[in-house]
Amino acid sequence: MNDESIDLELNDTTIRIVLIPFFGFVIPNITGMIDNSLYTSNELFFAYLYFTFIAFAIWQGNRYLLFRLRLRFSWLSQPMYKVIALVVSNIFYTIPISVGLMTMWYVFAQHATADWDVIFKATALCVVCVVFITHTYETVFLIKSWGTDKSKSEFLEKAKLEAELEALKNQIDPHFMFNSLNTLSHLIENDPTKAKEFNDNLAEVYRYILSNKDRNLVLLSEEIFFAEKYFSLLRIRFGETVSLTIDPSVAHDDFLIPPISLQILLENAIKHNEFSEQSPLDISVTFTKSAAVVVNALRPKSLGERSSHVGLKNLNERYKLITEQEMTYRNDGTTFTVILPLLKTT
């Protein structure tokens, strides 16, 4: 996006009201074009009114050209052409207007031949002032363009992040439901009583997912309660072959965490590790001052596809979008550890 493609409003009315009469008074006095002692008060009034008209014509004409050139040339893609166009337009508009109107001043007001030295000095001064004011205009435009670009960029980035976050959230529901229905189907065939209990617990767990679907953060205490309910579903299916220990010593209401985070880690541990009654899978959740640490024994399944860590990657993306922090995980060969940063409630 270039700076000229943005429709910028520039309220310069006040500055024009002040500076146009200022130049109409100062330039003829500096160059000696008006000798105040030779005129009556009324004549001086009309003389300065005329030079104010000259200043107005020069200012407005160059202002019009500046605005037109903004549509034609860009500082980003055509900087050299932009500079040349501005300088040429300033000179080839300002000089003829200045010389013509000042010559008319000598002929019609003073009834004398033009003093070309004075006209040259006055015209040169007008050109210098025009170049300076044009530079000021362009500086203001560039600042406003930068601010507009920055605002639009921030808006688009925010919209992009919100869209990415929503997409990641939407991946949770079907994935969780698919796994749960598979488990329920298995239990219906093998243990109808447990299937009913599983169905009741599943309804409660899914209620949590739906109620927190549009929330970016929940209390850690809520997430732990949900994780325990979810793990009860795993215990119904796998019995004593899996275990979960959660450190109760932390004030869970003092921290926030993205919802469904612990459930993903529990599901990940069950999905990728072997366990049995003789060798149960132990999962523990402990806490530091700023993080939740989830650790499970590492016994990768001998059959099946190697983990792509898609679930962990999606969870990490959610973490970055919501908290601007990243989760970390490490594999030391015997245990798999995931560290989830926590946010303080106050």
Protein backbone atom coordinates (compact mmCIF):
# COMPACT_ATOMS: atom_id res chain seq x y z
CA MET A 1 0.00 0.00 0.00
CA ASN A 2 1.52 3.35 -0.97
CA ASP A 3 0.94 6.61 0.80
CA GLU A 4 -0.95 8.18 -2.13
CA SER A 5 -3.55 5.40 -2.21
CA ILE A 6 -4.89 6.52 1.16
CA ASP A 7 -7.53 9.24 1.20
CA LEU A 8 -6.13 11.50 3.87
CA GLU A 9 -8.02 14.47 5.22
CA LEU A 10 -5.85 17.49 5.95
CA ASN A 11 -7.43 20.37 7.84
CA ASP A 12 -5.09 23.26 7.04
CA THR A 13 -7.71 26.04 7.01
CA THR A 14 -6.37 27.78 10.10
CA ILE A 15 -2.77 27.78 8.94
CA ARG A 16 -3.80 29.23 5.56
CA ILE A 17 -5.89 31.96 7.20
CA VAL A 18 -2.87 32.96 9.28
CA LEU A 19 0.05 32.54 6.86
CA ILE A 20 -1.42 33.86 3.60
CA PRO A 21 -1.98 37.39 5.00
CA PHE A 22 1.37 37.07 6.82
CA PHE A 23 3.25 36.51 3.56
CA GLY A 24 1.15 39.19 1.87
CA PHE A 25 2.47 41.68 4.43
CA VAL A 26 6.04 40.47 5.01
CA ILE A 27 7.32 39.80 1.47
CA PRO A 28 6.62 43.27 -0.02
CA ASN A 29 8.15 44.88 3.08
CA ILE A 30 11.27 42.68 3.06
CA THR A 31 11.90 43.26 -0.66
CA GLY A 32 11.11 46.99 -0.56
CA MET A 33 8.21 46.70 -2.95
CA ILE A 34 6.07 48.87 -0.66
CA ASP A 35 7.29 52.07 0.98
CA ASN A 36 4.78 52.65 3.75
CA SER A 37 5.66 56.38 3.98
CA LEU A 38 4.47 57.05 0.42
CA TYR A 39 0.90 55.84 0.85
CA THR A 40 -2.18 56.87 2.78
CA SER A 41 -3.86 54.43 5.16
CA ASN A 42 -6.48 53.51 2.59
CA GLU A 43 -3.87 53.01 -0.11
CA LEU A 44 -1.82 50.80 2.21
CA PHE A 45 -4.90 48.74 3.02
CA PHE A 46 -5.58 48.04 -0.68
CA ALA A 47 -1.86 47.51 -1.36
CA TYR A 48 -1.56 44.81 1.29
CA LEU A 49 -4.89 43.37 0.21
CA TYR A 50 -3.45 42.99 -3.29
CA PHE A 51 -0.28 41.29 -2.07
CA THR A 52 -2.41 39.05 0.12
CA PHE A 53 -4.24 38.09 -3.07
CA ILE A 54 -0.87 37.26 -4.68
CA ALA A 55 0.06 35.10 -1.68
CA PHE A 56 -3.36 33.42 -1.88
CA ALA A 57 -2.96 32.67 -5.59
CA ILE A 58 0.52 31.23 -5.09
CA TRP A 59 -0.44 29.16 -2.06
CA GLN A 60 -3.71 27.77 -3.44
CA GLY A 61 -2.23 26.99 -6.84
CA ASN A 62 0.71 25.09 -5.40
CA ARG A 63 -1.57 23.36 -2.92
CA TYR A 64 -3.79 22.16 -5.78
CA LEU A 65 -0.76 20.89 -7.73
CA LEU A 66 0.57 19.13 -4.62
CA PHE A 67 -2.69 17.27 -4.10
CA ARG A 68 -2.88 16.30 -7.76
CA LEU A 69 0.70 15.02 -7.76
CA ARG A 70 -0.05 12.86 -4.72
CA LEU A 71 -2.44 10.89 -6.93
CA ARG A 72 0.13 10.60 -9.70
CA PHE A 73 3.42 9.77 -7.97
CA SER A 74 4.29 7.68 -4.91
CA TRP A 75 7.16 8.28 -2.47
CA LEU A 76 7.51 4.51 -2.12
CA SER A 77 7.74 3.46 -5.77
CA GLN A 78 8.65 6.72 -7.57
CA PRO A 79 10.61 8.94 -5.15
CA MET A 80 12.83 10.56 -7.81
CA TYR A 81 9.90 11.35 -10.10
CA LYS A 82 8.03 12.72 -7.09
CA VAL A 83 10.84 15.12 -6.17
CA ILE A 84 11.29 16.31 -9.76
CA ALA A 85 7.54 16.79 -10.24
CA LEU A 86 7.22 18.80 -7.02
CA VAL A 87 10.19 21.07 -7.78
CA VAL A 88 9.17 21.65 -11.40
CA SER A 89 5.55 22.37 -10.49
CA ASN A 90 6.62 24.75 -7.70
CA ILE A 91 8.97 26.70 -9.95
CA PHE A 92 6.93 26.76 -13.16
CA TYR A 93 3.78 27.82 -11.38
CA THR A 94 5.19 30.20 -8.77
CA ILE A 95 7.52 32.21 -11.04
CA PRO A 96 5.00 33.20 -13.77
CA ILE A 97 2.29 34.01 -11.21
CA SER A 98 4.66 36.05 -9.06
CA VAL A 99 6.27 37.96 -11.93
CA GLY A 100 2.96 38.62 -13.67
CA LEU A 101 1.05 39.88 -10.64
CA MET A 102 3.99 41.95 -9.29
CA THR A 103 4.49 43.56 -12.72
CA MET A 104 0.82 44.48 -12.68
CA TRP A 105 1.43 46.10 -9.29
CA TYR A 106 4.02 48.44 -10.77
CA VAL A 107 1.99 49.24 -13.89
CA PHE A 108 -1.44 49.79 -12.36
CA ALA A 109 -0.71 50.78 -8.74
CA GLN A 110 2.51 52.73 -8.99
CA HIS A 111 2.10 53.75 -12.63
CA ALA A 112 5.79 53.09 -13.19
CA THR A 113 8.03 50.67 -14.99
CA ALA A 114 8.72 47.42 -13.23
CA ASP A 115 11.74 47.25 -10.92
CA TRP A 116 13.08 43.90 -12.03
CA ASP A 117 15.62 43.62 -9.24
CA VAL A 118 12.87 43.91 -6.65
CA ILE A 119 10.59 41.57 -8.59
CA PHE A 120 13.44 39.03 -8.86
CA LYS A 121 14.12 39.16 -5.11
CA ALA A 122 10.42 38.89 -4.27
CA THR A 123 9.91 36.00 -6.71
CA ALA A 124 12.95 34.13 -5.39
CA LEU A 125 11.67 34.59 -1.86
CA CYS A 126 8.25 33.29 -2.92
CA VAL A 127 9.85 30.19 -4.49
CA VAL A 128 11.85 29.48 -1.32
CA CYS A 129 8.71 29.83 0.82
CA VAL A 130 6.72 27.58 -1.53
CA VAL A 131 9.38 24.85 -1.45
CA PHE A 132 9.51 25.00 2.35
CA ILE A 133 5.71 24.89 2.73
CA THR A 134 5.43 22.06 0.17
CA HIS A 135 8.02 20.11 2.17
CA THR A 136 5.95 20.74 5.31
CA TYR A 137 2.79 19.51 3.60
CA GLU A 138 4.53 16.35 2.41
CA THR A 139 5.96 15.70 5.86
CA VAL A 140 2.50 15.97 7.39
CA PHE A 141 1.09 13.67 4.70
CA LEU A 142 3.81 11.08 5.27
CA ILE A 143 3.24 11.12 9.04
CA LYS A 144 -0.51 10.74 8.57
CA SER A 145 0.02 8.01 5.97
CA TRP A 146 2.37 6.16 8.32
CA GLY A 147 -0.19 6.42 11.13
CA THR A 148 -2.98 5.20 8.84
CA ASP A 149 -0.84 2.35 7.52
CA LYS A 150 0.12 1.38 11.07
CA SER A 151 -3.52 1.43 12.23
CA LYS A 152 -4.66 -0.63 9.25
CA SER A 153 -1.77 -3.03 9.68
CA GLU A 154 -2.60 -3.49 13.37
CA PHE A 155 -6.28 -4.00 12.53
CA LEU A 156 -5.50 -6.58 9.84
CA GLU A 157 -3.01 -8.35 12.12
CA LYS A 158 -5.58 -8.48 14.92
CA ALA A 159 -8.23 -9.81 12.53
CA LYS A 160 -5.75 -12.42 11.27
CA LEU A 161 -4.87 -13.53 14.80
CA GLU A 162 -8.56 -13.74 15.77
CA ALA A 163 -9.29 -15.82 12.67
CA GLU A 164 -6.37 -18.15 13.43
CA LEU A 165 -7.46 -18.50 17.05
CA GLU A 166 -11.03 -19.26 16.03
CA ALA A 167 -9.79 -21.89 13.58
CA LEU A 168 -7.68 -23.53 16.29
CA LYS A 169 -10.61 -23.49 18.70
CA ASN A 170 -12.86 -25.09 16.13
CA GLN A 171 -10.40 -27.97 15.78
CA ILE A 172 -10.96 -28.92 19.43
CA ASP A 173 -14.65 -29.78 19.28
CA PRO A 174 -14.75 -32.29 16.38
CA HIS A 175 -11.49 -33.91 17.47
CA PHE A 176 -12.67 -34.39 21.02
CA MET A 177 -16.13 -35.56 19.96
CA PHE A 178 -14.71 -38.04 17.45
CA ASN A 179 -12.48 -39.68 20.09
CA SER A 180 -15.27 -39.70 22.67
CA LEU A 181 -17.76 -41.34 20.31
CA ASN A 182 -15.22 -44.00 19.44
CA THR A 183 -14.76 -44.71 23.15
CA LEU A 184 -18.51 -44.77 23.75
CA SER A 185 -19.01 -47.14 20.83
CA HIS A 186 -16.38 -49.45 22.30
CA LEU A 187 -18.02 -49.42 25.74
CA ILE A 188 -21.52 -50.03 24.39
CA GLU A 189 -20.27 -53.25 22.84
CA ASN A 190 -18.19 -54.39 25.80
CA ASP A 191 -19.71 -52.85 28.96
CA PRO A 192 -23.19 -51.21 28.66
CA THR A 193 -23.17 -50.15 32.33
CA LYS A 194 -19.94 -48.26 31.96
CA ALA A 195 -21.24 -46.91 28.67
CA LYS A 196 -24.13 -45.19 30.48
CA GLU A 197 -21.78 -43.75 33.10
CA PHE A 198 -19.43 -42.64 30.35
CA ASN A 199 -22.28 -40.98 28.48
CA ASP A 200 -23.35 -39.02 31.58
CA ASN A 201 -19.80 -37.84 32.27
CA LEU A 202 -19.29 -37.04 28.60
CA ALA A 203 -22.35 -34.76 28.65
CA GLU A 204 -20.90 -32.84 31.60
CA VAL A 205 -17.47 -32.58 30.00
CA TYR A 206 -18.88 -31.42 26.70
CA ARG A 207 -21.00 -28.84 28.50
CA TYR A 208 -17.75 -27.34 29.77
CA ILE A 209 -16.30 -27.26 26.27
CA LEU A 210 -19.36 -25.52 24.84
CA SER A 211 -19.63 -23.00 27.68
CA ASN A 212 -15.96 -22.01 27.30
CA LYS A 213 -15.69 -22.19 23.53
CA ASP A 214 -15.73 -18.40 23.15
CA ARG A 215 -13.50 -17.68 26.13
CA ASN A 216 -9.77 -17.22 25.70
CA LEU A 217 -8.91 -17.77 29.36
CA VAL A 218 -10.49 -19.57 32.31
CA LEU A 219 -9.57 -19.91 35.95
CA LEU A 220 -7.04 -22.64 36.58
CA SER A 221 -9.44 -24.14 39.12
CA GLU A 222 -12.10 -24.52 36.39
CA GLU A 223 -9.63 -26.14 34.03
CA ILE A 224 -8.46 -28.58 36.72
CA PHE A 225 -12.06 -29.53 37.54
CA PHE A 226 -12.66 -30.17 33.84
CA ALA A 227 -9.44 -32.18 33.52
CA GLU A 228 -10.49 -34.40 36.42
CA LYS A 229 -13.91 -34.95 34.85
CA TYR A 230 -12.30 -35.78 31.55
CA PHE A 231 -9.87 -38.17 33.20
CA SER A 232 -12.81 -39.94 34.83
CA LEU A 233 -13.88 -40.86 31.28
CA LEU A 234 -10.46 -42.37 30.68
CA ARG A 235 -10.65 -44.31 33.94
CA ILE A 236 -14.01 -45.77 32.91
CA ARG A 237 -12.44 -47.10 29.75
CA PHE A 238 -8.94 -48.04 30.93
CA GLY A 239 -9.45 -48.69 34.62
CA GLU A 240 -6.36 -48.80 36.84
CA THR A 241 -4.00 -48.76 33.87
CA VAL A 242 -3.90 -44.96 33.98
CA SER A 243 -3.56 -42.57 36.89
CA LEU A 244 -3.61 -38.80 37.34
CA THR A 245 -2.13 -36.79 40.23
CA ILE A 246 -2.77 -33.05 40.51
CA ASP A 247 -0.90 -30.96 43.06
CA PRO A 248 -3.55 -29.42 45.35
CA SER A 249 -1.19 -27.01 47.13
CA VAL A 250 -1.51 -24.10 44.67
CA ALA A 251 -4.22 -21.43 44.93
CA HIS A 252 -5.83 -22.30 41.62
CA ASP A 253 -8.10 -19.26 41.58
CA ASP A 254 -5.03 -17.01 41.33
CA PHE A 255 -4.18 -18.14 37.80
CA LEU A 256 -5.67 -18.19 34.29
CA ILE A 257 -5.09 -20.68 31.50
CA PRO A 258 -6.49 -21.21 27.98
CA PRO A 259 -9.42 -23.65 28.22
CA ILE A 260 -9.07 -27.32 27.19
CA SER A 261 -5.27 -27.12 27.55
CA LEU A 262 -4.86 -29.88 30.16
CA GLN A 263 -7.34 -32.15 28.36
CA ILE A 264 -5.23 -32.04 25.20
CA LEU A 265 -2.12 -33.09 27.14
CA LEU A 266 -3.96 -35.92 28.90
CA GLU A 267 -5.33 -37.14 25.60
CA ASN A 268 -1.89 -36.87 24.02
CA ALA A 269 -0.31 -39.00 26.75
CA ILE A 270 -2.94 -41.73 26.39
CA LYS A 271 -2.78 -41.70 22.60
CA HIS A 272 0.97 -42.15 22.20
CA ASN A 273 2.01 -44.38 25.11
CA GLU A 274 1.62 -48.02 26.06
CA PHE A 275 0.19 -48.92 29.50
CA SER A 276 -1.19 -51.95 31.32
CA GLU A 277 -2.18 -53.08 34.82
CA GLN A 278 1.37 -54.26 35.39
CA SER A 279 2.80 -50.99 34.08
CA PRO A 280 0.21 -48.20 34.45
CA LEU A 281 0.68 -44.83 32.85
CA ASP A 282 1.21 -42.17 35.51
CA ILE A 283 0.45 -38.55 34.69
CA SER A 284 1.19 -35.75 37.13
CA VAL A 285 0.31 -32.05 37.13
CA THR A 286 2.40 -29.79 39.36
CA PHE A 287 2.80 -26.03 39.53
CA THR A 288 5.55 -23.46 39.78
CA LYS A 289 5.05 -19.76 40.43
CA SER A 290 4.23 -19.13 36.78
CA ALA A 291 3.53 -22.44 35.04
CA ALA A 292 1.73 -25.75 35.09
CA VAL A 293 4.04 -28.73 34.56
CA VAL A 294 2.48 -31.88 33.08
CA VAL A 295 4.65 -35.00 33.15
CA ASN A 296 3.90 -38.50 31.94
CA ALA A 297 5.98 -41.66 31.69
CA LEU A 298 7.36 -42.13 28.19
CA ARG A 299 6.62 -45.53 26.68
CA PRO A 300 5.95 -44.95 22.98
CA LYS A 301 3.64 -47.43 21.30
CA SER A 302 5.57 -49.96 19.26
CA LEU A 303 2.92 -50.02 16.54
CA GLY A 304 1.24 -47.14 14.85
CA GLU A 305 2.34 -43.91 13.27
CA ARG A 306 4.99 -41.77 14.84
CA SER A 307 3.56 -38.70 16.57
CA SER A 308 3.54 -35.53 14.47
CA HIS A 309 2.84 -33.41 17.57
CA VAL A 310 0.00 -31.66 15.71
CA GLY A 311 -2.03 -31.40 18.90
CA LEU A 312 0.90 -29.84 20.77
CA LYS A 313 1.60 -27.46 17.89
CA ASN A 314 -2.02 -26.32 17.79
CA LEU A 315 -2.04 -25.86 21.56
CA ASN A 316 1.18 -23.84 21.35
CA GLU A 317 -0.31 -21.65 18.62
CA ARG A 318 -3.33 -20.97 20.81
CA TYR A 319 -0.99 -20.12 23.67
CA LYS A 320 0.97 -17.64 21.57
CA LEU A 321 -2.18 -15.96 20.28
CA ILE A 322 -3.87 -15.71 23.66
CA THR A 323 -1.03 -15.14 26.12
CA GLU A 324 1.86 -14.05 23.86
CA GLN A 325 3.88 -16.79 25.53
CA GLU A 326 4.95 -20.20 24.29
CA MET A 327 4.59 -23.53 26.00
CA THR A 328 7.65 -25.75 26.08
CA TYR A 329 8.09 -29.50 26.13
CA ARG A 330 11.01 -31.85 26.53
CA ASN A 331 11.72 -35.55 26.15
CA ASP A 332 14.47 -37.00 28.34
CA GLY A 333 13.94 -40.58 27.16
CA THR A 334 11.96 -41.73 30.21
CA THR A 335 9.44 -38.93 30.74
CA PHE A 336 7.67 -36.41 28.56
CA THR A 337 7.20 -32.97 30.12
CA VAL A 338 5.07 -30.05 28.96
CA ILE A 339 5.29 -26.64 30.66
CA LEU A 340 2.25 -24.39 30.29
CA PRO A 341 2.72 -20.73 31.26
CA LEU A 342 0.05 -19.35 33.58
CA LEU A 343 -1.30 -15.81 33.81
CA LYS A 344 -2.00 -14.09 37.10
CA THR A 345 -5.60 -13.04 37.70
CA THR A 346 -4.42 -9.71 39.14
